[in-house]
Amino acid sequence: MNEATTLTGRQEEPGKRYPLWIERTLLLVAAAVFFIYAADVSAAVDQPVLGTLTAYVVYPLVLLALVEMCGRILQNIHGS
């Protein structure tokens, strides 16, 4: 059986290749934004422990979530 089928027997056709360089570039931009603004995020919170946790735990997770959402939106637009 050389044909690509799913578990339900539906025929699958290969689609266009998604340009992964877009998501990789977004991830590099998010890393650069993190390194540039982490100290500002930490300083924006008045408490030292909470500021550090916010800058080095919450802030990168928010950036990663934004990159993931942008990637999924681009995949949807691209038709992958």
PDB file of N, CA and C in Angstrom:
ATOM      1  N   MET A   1       0.850  -1.173   0.000  1.00  0.00           N
ATOM      2  CA  MET A   1       0.000   0.000   0.000  1.00  0.00           C
ATOM      3  C   MET A   1       0.898   1.240   0.000  1.00  0.00           C
ATOM      4  N   ASN A   2       1.035   1.883  -1.133  1.00  0.00           N
ATOM      5  CA  ASN A   2       1.892   3.051  -1.288  1.00  0.00           C
ATOM      6  C   ASN A   2       1.136   4.357  -1.121  1.00  0.00           C
ATOM      7  N   GLU A   3      -0.168   4.289  -1.122  1.00  0.00           N
ATOM      8  CA  GLU A   3      -0.961   5.510  -1.024  1.00  0.00           C
ATOM      9  C   GLU A   3      -1.054   5.960   0.431  1.00  0.00           C
ATOM     10  N   ALA A   4      -1.050   7.277   0.609  1.00  0.00           N
ATOM     11  CA  ALA A   4      -1.162   7.832   1.949  1.00  0.00           C
ATOM     12  C   ALA A   4      -2.632   7.897   2.354  1.00  0.00           C
ATOM     13  N   THR A   5      -2.974   7.164   3.415  1.00  0.00           N
ATOM     14  CA  THR A   5      -4.342   7.206   3.926  1.00  0.00           C
ATOM     15  C   THR A   5      -4.304   7.420   5.434  1.00  0.00           C
ATOM     16  N   THR A   6      -5.411   7.865   5.955  1.00  0.00           N
ATOM     17  CA  THR A   6      -5.527   8.051   7.393  1.00  0.00           C
ATOM     18  C   THR A   6      -6.155   6.807   8.002  1.00  0.00           C
ATOM     19  N   LEU A   7      -6.345   6.816   9.305  1.00  0.00           N
ATOM     20  CA  LEU A   7      -6.978   5.678   9.976  1.00  0.00           C
ATOM     21  C   LEU A   7      -8.417   5.486   9.528  1.00  0.00           C
ATOM     22  N   THR A   8      -9.054   6.565   9.100  1.00  0.00           N
ATOM     23  CA  THR A   8     -10.439   6.451   8.635  1.00  0.00           C
ATOM     24  C   THR A   8     -10.526   6.096   7.151  1.00  0.00           C
ATOM     25  N   GLY A   9      -9.392   5.927   6.498  1.00  0.00           N
ATOM     26  CA  GLY A   9      -9.384   5.561   5.097  1.00  0.00           C
ATOM     27  C   GLY A   9      -9.464   6.734   4.145  1.00  0.00           C
ATOM     28  N   ARG A  10      -9.363   7.936   4.665  1.00  0.00           N
ATOM     29  CA  ARG A  10      -9.441   9.129   3.828  1.00  0.00           C
ATOM     30  C   ARG A  10      -8.130   9.309   3.067  1.00  0.00           C
ATOM     31  N   GLN A  11      -8.217   9.711   1.830  1.00  0.00           N
ATOM     32  CA  GLN A  11      -7.023   9.961   1.011  1.00  0.00           C
ATOM     33  C   GLN A  11      -6.370  11.272   1.428  1.00  0.00           C
ATOM     34  N   GLU A  12      -5.073  11.268   1.561  1.00  0.00           N
ATOM     35  CA  GLU A  12      -4.322  12.467   1.900  1.00  0.00           C
ATOM     36  C   GLU A  12      -3.403  12.822   0.741  1.00  0.00           C
ATOM     37  N   GLU A  13      -3.412  14.079   0.393  1.00  0.00           N
ATOM     38  CA  GLU A  13      -2.505  14.558  -0.647  1.00  0.00           C
ATOM     39  C   GLU A  13      -1.493  15.494  -0.009  1.00  0.00           C
ATOM     40  N   PRO A  14      -0.230  15.374  -0.393  1.00  0.00           N
ATOM     41  CA  PRO A  14       0.776  16.279   0.168  1.00  0.00           C
ATOM     42  C   PRO A  14       0.489  17.723  -0.228  1.00  0.00           C
ATOM     43  N   GLY A  15       0.590  18.620   0.741  1.00  0.00           N
ATOM     44  CA  GLY A  15       0.345  20.026   0.484  1.00  0.00           C
ATOM     45  C   GLY A  15       1.633  20.763   0.187  1.00  0.00           C
ATOM     46  N   LYS A  16       1.522  22.067   0.163  1.00  0.00           N
ATOM     47  CA  LYS A  16       2.706  22.891  -0.064  1.00  0.00           C
ATOM     48  C   LYS A  16       3.605  22.830   1.163  1.00  0.00           C
ATOM     49  N   ARG A  17       4.898  22.968   0.930  1.00  0.00           N
ATOM     50  CA  ARG A  17       5.837  23.006   2.048  1.00  0.00           C
ATOM     51  C   ARG A  17       5.694  24.334   2.774  1.00  0.00           C
ATOM     52  N   TYR A  18       5.632  24.253   4.090  1.00  0.00           N
ATOM     53  CA  TYR A  18       5.540  25.458   4.917  1.00  0.00           C
ATOM     54  C   TYR A  18       6.956  25.985   5.155  1.00  0.00           C
ATOM     55  N   PRO A  19       7.168  27.264   4.931  1.00  0.00           N
ATOM     56  CA  PRO A  19       8.520  27.823   5.134  1.00  0.00           C
ATOM     57  C   PRO A  19       8.829  27.967   6.633  1.00  0.00           C
ATOM     58  N   LEU A  20       9.568  27.017   7.182  1.00  0.00           N
ATOM     59  CA  LEU A  20       9.901  27.033   8.607  1.00  0.00           C
ATOM     60  C   LEU A  20      10.815  28.185   8.987  1.00  0.00           C
ATOM     61  N   TRP A  21      11.470  28.780   8.023  1.00  0.00           N
ATOM     62  CA  TRP A  21      12.382  29.874   8.355  1.00  0.00           C
ATOM     63  C   TRP A  21      11.624  31.048   8.976  1.00  0.00           C
ATOM     64  N   ILE A  22      10.338  31.164   8.676  1.00  0.00           N
ATOM     65  CA  ILE A  22       9.543  32.247   9.252  1.00  0.00           C
ATOM     66  C   ILE A  22       9.424  32.051  10.764  1.00  0.00           C
ATOM     67  N   GLU A  23       9.074  30.840  11.196  1.00  0.00           N
ATOM     68  CA  GLU A  23       8.945  30.571  12.625  1.00  0.00           C
ATOM     69  C   GLU A  23      10.297  30.658  13.325  1.00  0.00           C
ATOM     70  N   ARG A  24      11.327  30.216  12.683  1.00  0.00           N
ATOM     71  CA  ARG A  24      12.670  30.309  13.281  1.00  0.00           C
ATOM     72  C   ARG A  24      13.084  31.759  13.449  1.00  0.00           C
ATOM     73  N   THR A  25      12.749  32.583  12.471  1.00  0.00           N
ATOM     74  CA  THR A  25      13.059  34.011  12.576  1.00  0.00           C
ATOM     75  C   THR A  25      12.260  34.653  13.703  1.00  0.00           C
ATOM     76  N   LEU A  26      10.988  34.295  13.817  1.00  0.00           N
ATOM     77  CA  LEU A  26      10.169  34.818  14.913  1.00  0.00           C
ATOM     78  C   LEU A  26      10.738  34.414  16.270  1.00  0.00           C
ATOM     79  N   LEU A  27      11.231  33.182  16.382  1.00  0.00           N
ATOM     80  CA  LEU A  27      11.815  32.726  17.630  1.00  0.00           C
ATOM     81  C   LEU A  27      13.089  33.497  17.964  1.00  0.00           C
ATOM     82  N   LEU A  28      13.923  33.758  16.960  1.00  0.00           N
ATOM     83  CA  LEU A  28      15.137  34.547  17.185  1.00  0.00           C
ATOM     84  C   LEU A  28      14.801  35.983  17.576  1.00  0.00           C
ATOM     85  N   VAL A  29      13.766  36.541  16.958  1.00  0.00           N
ATOM     86  CA  VAL A  29      13.335  37.891  17.319  1.00  0.00           C
ATOM     87  C   VAL A  29      12.835  37.909  18.763  1.00  0.00           C
ATOM     88  N   ALA A  30      12.076  36.893  19.161  1.00  0.00           N
ATOM     89  CA  ALA A  30      11.584  36.820  20.539  1.00  0.00           C
ATOM     90  C   ALA A  30      12.744  36.693  21.524  1.00  0.00           C
ATOM     91  N   ALA A  31      13.767  35.917  21.173  1.00  0.00           N
ATOM     92  CA  ALA A  31      14.938  35.803  22.048  1.00  0.00           C
ATOM     93  C   ALA A  31      15.655  37.138  22.169  1.00  0.00           C
ATOM     94  N   ALA A  32      15.778  37.856  21.071  1.00  0.00           N
ATOM     95  CA  ALA A  32      16.420  39.171  21.114  1.00  0.00           C
ATOM     96  C   ALA A  32      15.602  40.146  21.954  1.00  0.00           C
ATOM     97  N   VAL A  33      14.290  40.123  21.790  1.00  0.00           N
ATOM     98  CA  VAL A  33      13.416  40.996  22.579  1.00  0.00           C
ATOM     99  C   VAL A  33      13.548  40.655  24.063  1.00  0.00           C
ATOM    100  N   PHE A  34      13.634  39.364  24.379  1.00  0.00           N
ATOM    101  CA  PHE A  34      13.802  38.964  25.774  1.00  0.00           C
ATOM    102  C   PHE A  34      15.094  39.539  26.349  1.00  0.00           C
ATOM    103  N   PHE A  35      16.203  39.368  25.652  1.00  0.00           N
ATOM    104  CA  PHE A  35      17.483  39.850  26.175  1.00  0.00           C
ATOM    105  C   PHE A  35      17.528  41.378  26.269  1.00  0.00           C
ATOM    106  N   ILE A  36      16.851  42.053  25.379  1.00  0.00           N
ATOM    107  CA  ILE A  36      16.868  43.519  25.397  1.00  0.00           C
ATOM    108  C   ILE A  36      16.002  44.060  26.535  1.00  0.00           C
ATOM    109  N   TYR A  37      14.824  43.461  26.765  1.00  0.00           N
ATOM    110  CA  TYR A  37      13.857  44.044  27.695  1.00  0.00           C
ATOM    111  C   TYR A  37      13.699  43.305  29.013  1.00  0.00           C
ATOM    112  N   ALA A  38      14.445  42.246  29.277  1.00  0.00           N
ATOM    113  CA  ALA A  38      14.278  41.493  30.528  1.00  0.00           C
ATOM    114  C   ALA A  38      14.558  42.368  31.744  1.00  0.00           C
ATOM    115  N   ALA A  39      15.584  43.182  31.680  1.00  0.00           N
ATOM    116  CA  ALA A  39      15.905  44.054  32.818  1.00  0.00           C
ATOM    117  C   ALA A  39      14.806  45.097  33.031  1.00  0.00           C
ATOM    118  N   ASP A  40      14.238  45.605  31.949  1.00  0.00           N
ATOM    119  CA  ASP A  40      13.150  46.575  32.076  1.00  0.00           C
ATOM    120  C   ASP A  40      11.904  45.938  32.693  1.00  0.00           C
ATOM    121  N   VAL A  41      11.624  44.706  32.309  1.00  0.00           N
ATOM    122  CA  VAL A  41      10.471  44.002  32.884  1.00  0.00           C
ATOM    123  C   VAL A  41      10.710  43.758  34.366  1.00  0.00           C
ATOM    124  N   SER A  42      11.919  43.363  34.722  1.00  0.00           N
ATOM    125  CA  SER A  42      12.245  43.134  36.121  1.00  0.00           C
ATOM    126  C   SER A  42      12.136  44.428  36.927  1.00  0.00           C
ATOM    127  N   ALA A  43      12.581  45.531  36.360  1.00  0.00           N
ATOM    128  CA  ALA A  43      12.522  46.814  37.057  1.00  0.00           C
ATOM    129  C   ALA A  43      11.095  47.351  37.159  1.00  0.00           C
ATOM    130  N   ALA A  44      10.218  46.926  36.273  1.00  0.00           N
ATOM    131  CA  ALA A  44       8.840  47.417  36.296  1.00  0.00           C
ATOM    132  C   ALA A  44       8.058  46.881  37.494  1.00  0.00           C
ATOM    133  N   VAL A  45       8.499  45.747  38.033  1.00  0.00           N
ATOM    134  CA  VAL A  45       7.844  45.168  39.208  1.00  0.00           C
ATOM    135  C   VAL A  45       8.637  45.634  40.436  1.00  0.00           C
ATOM    136  N   ASP A  46       7.947  46.152  41.431  1.00  0.00           N
ATOM    137  CA  ASP A  46       8.604  46.776  42.575  1.00  0.00           C
ATOM    138  C   ASP A  46       9.334  45.793  43.489  1.00  0.00           C
ATOM    139  N   GLN A  47       8.838  44.571  43.597  1.00  0.00           N
ATOM    140  CA  GLN A  47       9.449  43.602  44.506  1.00  0.00           C
ATOM    141  C   GLN A  47      10.574  42.851  43.794  1.00  0.00           C
ATOM    142  N   PRO A  48      11.729  42.675  44.459  1.00  0.00           N
ATOM    143  CA  PRO A  48      12.867  42.046  43.782  1.00  0.00           C
ATOM    144  C   PRO A  48      12.629  40.586  43.385  1.00  0.00           C
ATOM    145  N   VAL A  49      12.049  39.793  44.264  1.00  0.00           N
ATOM    146  CA  VAL A  49      11.831  38.379  43.949  1.00  0.00           C
ATOM    147  C   VAL A  49      10.762  38.234  42.874  1.00  0.00           C
ATOM    148  N   LEU A  50       9.669  38.943  43.038  1.00  0.00           N
ATOM    149  CA  LEU A  50       8.589  38.875  42.062  1.00  0.00           C
ATOM    150  C   LEU A  50       9.029  39.449  40.713  1.00  0.00           C
ATOM    151  N   GLY A  51       9.833  40.494  40.737  1.00  0.00           N
ATOM    152  CA  GLY A  51      10.349  41.066  39.494  1.00  0.00           C
ATOM    153  C   GLY A  51      11.237  40.099  38.743  1.00  0.00           C
ATOM    154  N   THR A  52      12.090  39.388  39.481  1.00  0.00           N
ATOM    155  CA  THR A  52      12.966  38.389  38.849  1.00  0.00           C
ATOM    156  C   THR A  52      12.153  37.243  38.270  1.00  0.00           C
ATOM    157  N   LEU A  53      11.175  36.756  39.036  1.00  0.00           N
ATOM    158  CA  LEU A  53      10.320  35.677  38.522  1.00  0.00           C
ATOM    159  C   LEU A  53       9.536  36.124  37.289  1.00  0.00           C
ATOM    160  N   THR A  54       9.048  37.334  37.332  1.00  0.00           N
ATOM    161  CA  THR A  54       8.298  37.843  36.186  1.00  0.00           C
ATOM    162  C   THR A  54       9.190  37.979  34.963  1.00  0.00           C
ATOM    163  N   ALA A  55      10.382  38.518  35.152  1.00  0.00           N
ATOM    164  CA  ALA A  55      11.272  38.774  34.020  1.00  0.00           C
ATOM    165  C   ALA A  55      11.848  37.503  33.421  1.00  0.00           C
ATOM    166  N   TYR A  56      12.123  36.492  34.266  1.00  0.00           N
ATOM    167  CA  TYR A  56      12.828  35.317  33.765  1.00  0.00           C
ATOM    168  C   TYR A  56      11.983  34.053  33.683  1.00  0.00           C
ATOM    169  N   VAL A  57      10.713  34.130  34.084  1.00  0.00           N
ATOM    170  CA  VAL A  57       9.819  32.974  33.948  1.00  0.00           C
ATOM    171  C   VAL A  57       8.590  33.350  33.126  1.00  0.00           C
ATOM    172  N   VAL A  58       7.846  34.347  33.580  1.00  0.00           N
ATOM    173  CA  VAL A  58       6.589  34.703  32.928  1.00  0.00           C
ATOM    174  C   VAL A  58       6.830  35.358  31.571  1.00  0.00           C
ATOM    175  N   TYR A  59       7.748  36.310  31.537  1.00  0.00           N
ATOM    176  CA  TYR A  59       8.021  37.058  30.302  1.00  0.00           C
ATOM    177  C   TYR A  59       8.463  36.159  29.145  1.00  0.00           C
ATOM    178  N   PRO A  60       9.430  35.236  29.343  1.00  0.00           N
ATOM    179  CA  PRO A  60       9.785  34.365  28.209  1.00  0.00           C
ATOM    180  C   PRO A  60       8.656  33.430  27.793  1.00  0.00           C
ATOM    181  N   LEU A  61       7.843  32.977  28.756  1.00  0.00           N
ATOM    182  CA  LEU A  61       6.717  32.117  28.391  1.00  0.00           C
ATOM    183  C   LEU A  61       5.683  32.868  27.566  1.00  0.00           C
ATOM    184  N   VAL A  62       5.459  34.125  27.915  1.00  0.00           N
ATOM    185  CA  VAL A  62       4.532  34.948  27.134  1.00  0.00           C
ATOM    186  C   VAL A  62       5.086  35.152  25.723  1.00  0.00           C
ATOM    187  N   LEU A  63       6.382  35.416  25.616  1.00  0.00           N
ATOM    188  CA  LEU A  63       6.988  35.590  24.289  1.00  0.00           C
ATOM    189  C   LEU A  63       6.873  34.313  23.465  1.00  0.00           C
ATOM    190  N   LEU A  64       7.132  33.166  24.082  1.00  0.00           N
ATOM    191  CA  LEU A  64       7.011  31.897  23.357  1.00  0.00           C
ATOM    192  C   LEU A  64       5.572  31.641  22.923  1.00  0.00           C
ATOM    193  N   ALA A  65       4.621  31.976  23.776  1.00  0.00           N
ATOM    194  CA  ALA A  65       3.210  31.806  23.410  1.00  0.00           C
ATOM    195  C   ALA A  65       2.849  32.700  22.228  1.00  0.00           C
ATOM    196  N   LEU A  66       3.352  33.933  22.233  1.00  0.00           N
ATOM    197  CA  LEU A  66       3.084  34.834  21.109  1.00  0.00           C
ATOM    198  C   LEU A  66       3.692  34.312  19.809  1.00  0.00           C
ATOM    199  N   VAL A  67       4.921  33.791  19.894  1.00  0.00           N
ATOM    200  CA  VAL A  67       5.565  33.230  18.700  1.00  0.00           C
ATOM    201  C   VAL A  67       4.769  32.033  18.188  1.00  0.00           C
ATOM    202  N   GLU A  68       4.313  31.180  19.098  1.00  0.00           N
ATOM    203  CA  GLU A  68       3.530  30.009  18.696  1.00  0.00           C
ATOM    204  C   GLU A  68       2.213  30.425  18.049  1.00  0.00           C
ATOM    205  N   MET A  69       1.540  31.417  18.618  1.00  0.00           N
ATOM    206  CA  MET A  69       0.284  31.888  18.035  1.00  0.00           C
ATOM    207  C   MET A  69       0.517  32.494  16.655  1.00  0.00           C
ATOM    208  N   CYS A  70       1.571  33.284  16.509  1.00  0.00           N
ATOM    209  CA  CYS A  70       1.882  33.860  15.194  1.00  0.00           C
ATOM    210  C   CYS A  70       2.193  32.763  14.184  1.00  0.00           C
ATOM    211  N   GLY A  71       2.934  31.742  14.615  1.00  0.00           N
ATOM    212  CA  GLY A  71       3.240  30.625  13.723  1.00  0.00           C
ATOM    213  C   GLY A  71       2.002  29.890  13.275  1.00  0.00           C
ATOM    214  N   ARG A  72       1.075  29.663  14.194  1.00  0.00           N
ATOM    215  CA  ARG A  72      -0.158  28.973  13.828  1.00  0.00           C
ATOM    216  C   ARG A  72      -1.032  29.817  12.906  1.00  0.00           C
ATOM    217  N   ILE A  73      -1.051  31.110  13.143  1.00  0.00           N
ATOM    218  CA  ILE A  73      -1.812  31.997  12.253  1.00  0.00           C
ATOM    219  C   ILE A  73      -1.195  31.985  10.854  1.00  0.00           C
ATOM    220  N   LEU A  74       0.119  32.035  10.789  1.00  0.00           N
ATOM    221  CA  LEU A  74       0.787  31.986   9.479  1.00  0.00           C
ATOM    222  C   LEU A  74       0.549  30.653   8.783  1.00  0.00           C
ATOM    223  N   GLN A  75       0.550  29.550   9.538  1.00  0.00           N
ATOM    224  CA  GLN A  75       0.257  28.257   8.934  1.00  0.00           C
ATOM    225  C   GLN A  75      -1.156  28.218   8.400  1.00  0.00           C
ATOM    226  N   ASN A  76      -2.094  28.797   9.127  1.00  0.00           N
ATOM    227  CA  ASN A  76      -3.484  28.835   8.679  1.00  0.00           C
ATOM    228  C   ASN A  76      -3.623  29.675   7.418  1.00  0.00           C
ATOM    229  N   ILE A  77      -2.948  30.807   7.386  1.00  0.00           N
ATOM    230  CA  ILE A  77      -2.993  31.668   6.194  1.00  0.00           C
ATOM    231  C   ILE A  77      -2.327  30.985   5.014  1.00  0.00           C
ATOM    232  N   HIS A  78      -1.218  30.317   5.292  1.00  0.00           N
ATOM    233  CA  HIS A  78      -0.455  29.654   4.222  1.00  0.00           C
ATOM    234  C   HIS A  78      -1.186  28.440   3.683  1.00  0.00           C
ATOM    235  N   GLY A  79      -2.088  27.880   4.480  1.00  0.00           N
ATOM    236  CA  GLY A  79      -2.874  26.736   4.018  1.00  0.00           C
ATOM    237  C   GLY A  79      -2.242  25.413   4.302  1.00  0.00           C
ATOM    238  N   SER A  80      -1.347  25.358   5.278  1.00  0.00           N
ATOM    239  CA  SER A  80      -0.703  24.085   5.621  1.00  0.00           C
ATOM    240  C   SER A  80      -1.578  23.285   6.535  1.00  0.00           C
TER     241      SER A  80
END
